[in-house]
């Protein structure tokens, strides 16, 4: 296994460091995530989010806003992803 450059790992999370050191585990995680992302449930969820963005005119304008289901409104992507 190649020696990792720790200089670039300083700001990474614990899990990111783990997957950087364990490529087999990282590939397994990606394989599982691909299966989840192509499920009917996830596909329907992405379609709903795109529909909401198109409906409000936000689709494709790169404004950095996400639809929040709890508040049922658009909030910044950073705030929406930190809530979870």
Protein backbone atom coordinates (compact mmCIF):
# COMPACT_ATOMS: atom_id res chain seq x y z
CA UNK A 1 0.00 0.00 0.00
CA UNK A 2 1.25 3.48 -0.85
CA UNK A 3 2.17 5.84 1.97
CA UNK A 4 -0.48 8.53 2.46
CA UNK A 5 0.47 12.17 2.54
CA UNK A 6 -0.78 13.32 5.95
CA UNK A 7 -0.37 16.99 4.99
CA UNK A 8 -3.58 16.84 2.94
CA UNK A 9 -5.53 14.85 5.53
CA UNK A 10 -5.47 17.48 8.28
CA UNK A 11 -8.94 18.91 7.57
CA UNK A 12 -10.67 15.62 6.80
CA UNK A 13 -13.29 13.99 8.97
CA UNK A 14 -12.62 10.75 10.82
CA UNK A 15 -14.55 8.70 8.25
CA UNK A 16 -12.80 10.40 5.31
CA UNK A 17 -9.43 9.50 6.83
CA UNK A 18 -10.59 5.91 7.35
CA UNK A 19 -11.71 5.50 3.74
CA UNK A 20 -8.50 7.11 2.47
CA UNK A 21 -6.51 4.46 4.33
CA UNK A 22 -8.84 1.57 3.42
CA UNK A 23 -9.59 1.55 -0.33
CA UNK A 24 -11.51 -1.76 -0.16
CA UNK A 25 -13.86 -0.31 2.45
CA UNK A 26 -14.25 2.87 0.37
CA UNK A 27 -15.16 0.86 -2.73
CA UNK A 28 -17.65 -1.19 -0.72
CA UNK A 29 -19.27 2.01 0.57
CA UNK A 30 -19.50 3.40 -2.98
CA UNK A 31 -21.02 0.12 -4.23
CA UNK A 32 -23.70 0.21 -1.52
CA UNK A 33 -24.38 3.91 -2.12
CA UNK A 34 -24.82 3.33 -5.87
CA UNK A 35 -27.42 0.65 -5.12
CA UNK A 36 -29.29 2.96 -2.74
CA UNK A 37 -29.21 5.89 -5.16
CA UNK A 38 -30.76 3.92 -8.01
CA UNK A 39 -33.61 2.51 -5.91
CA UNK A 40 -37.17 3.52 -6.80
CA UNK A 41 -37.57 5.36 -3.51
CA UNK A 42 -34.51 7.58 -4.07
CA UNK A 43 -35.38 8.16 -7.71
CA UNK A 44 -38.87 9.31 -6.71
CA UNK A 45 -37.37 11.56 -4.01
CA UNK A 46 -34.96 13.23 -6.46
CA UNK A 47 -37.79 13.69 -8.95
CA UNK A 48 -39.87 15.43 -6.27
CA UNK A 49 -37.01 17.78 -5.36
CA UNK A 50 -36.42 18.64 -9.03
CA UNK A 51 -40.15 19.22 -9.50
CA UNK A 52 -40.20 21.67 -6.59
CA UNK A 53 -37.16 23.50 -7.97
CA UNK A 54 -38.70 23.74 -11.43
CA UNK A 55 -42.03 24.90 -10.00
CA UNK A 56 -40.38 27.81 -8.17
CA UNK A 57 -37.98 28.71 -10.99
CA UNK A 58 -34.86 27.73 -9.05
CA UNK A 59 -33.89 24.77 -11.22
CA UNK A 60 -30.55 25.36 -12.94
CA UNK A 61 -29.86 28.85 -11.61
CA UNK A 62 -27.21 27.70 -9.07
CA UNK A 63 -28.53 29.79 -6.21
CA UNK A 64 -27.40 27.30 -3.55
CA UNK A 65 -30.87 26.72 -2.12
CA UNK A 66 -32.41 23.35 -1.18
CA UNK A 67 -36.01 22.45 -0.46
CA UNK A 68 -36.52 21.65 3.21
CA UNK A 69 -39.37 19.24 3.88
CA UNK A 70 -39.70 20.12 7.56
CA UNK A 71 -40.15 23.83 6.98
CA UNK A 72 -41.65 23.31 3.49
CA UNK A 73 -39.61 26.12 2.01
CA UNK A 74 -36.26 26.74 0.38
CA UNK A 75 -33.28 27.29 2.64
CA UNK A 76 -29.55 27.41 1.98
CA UNK A 77 -28.00 24.05 1.16
CA UNK A 78 -25.51 24.47 3.98
CA UNK A 79 -28.25 24.99 6.56
CA UNK A 80 -30.41 22.17 5.15
CA UNK A 81 -27.59 19.62 5.23
CA UNK A 82 -26.41 20.60 8.70
CA UNK A 83 -29.88 19.92 10.11
CA UNK A 84 -29.70 16.21 9.32
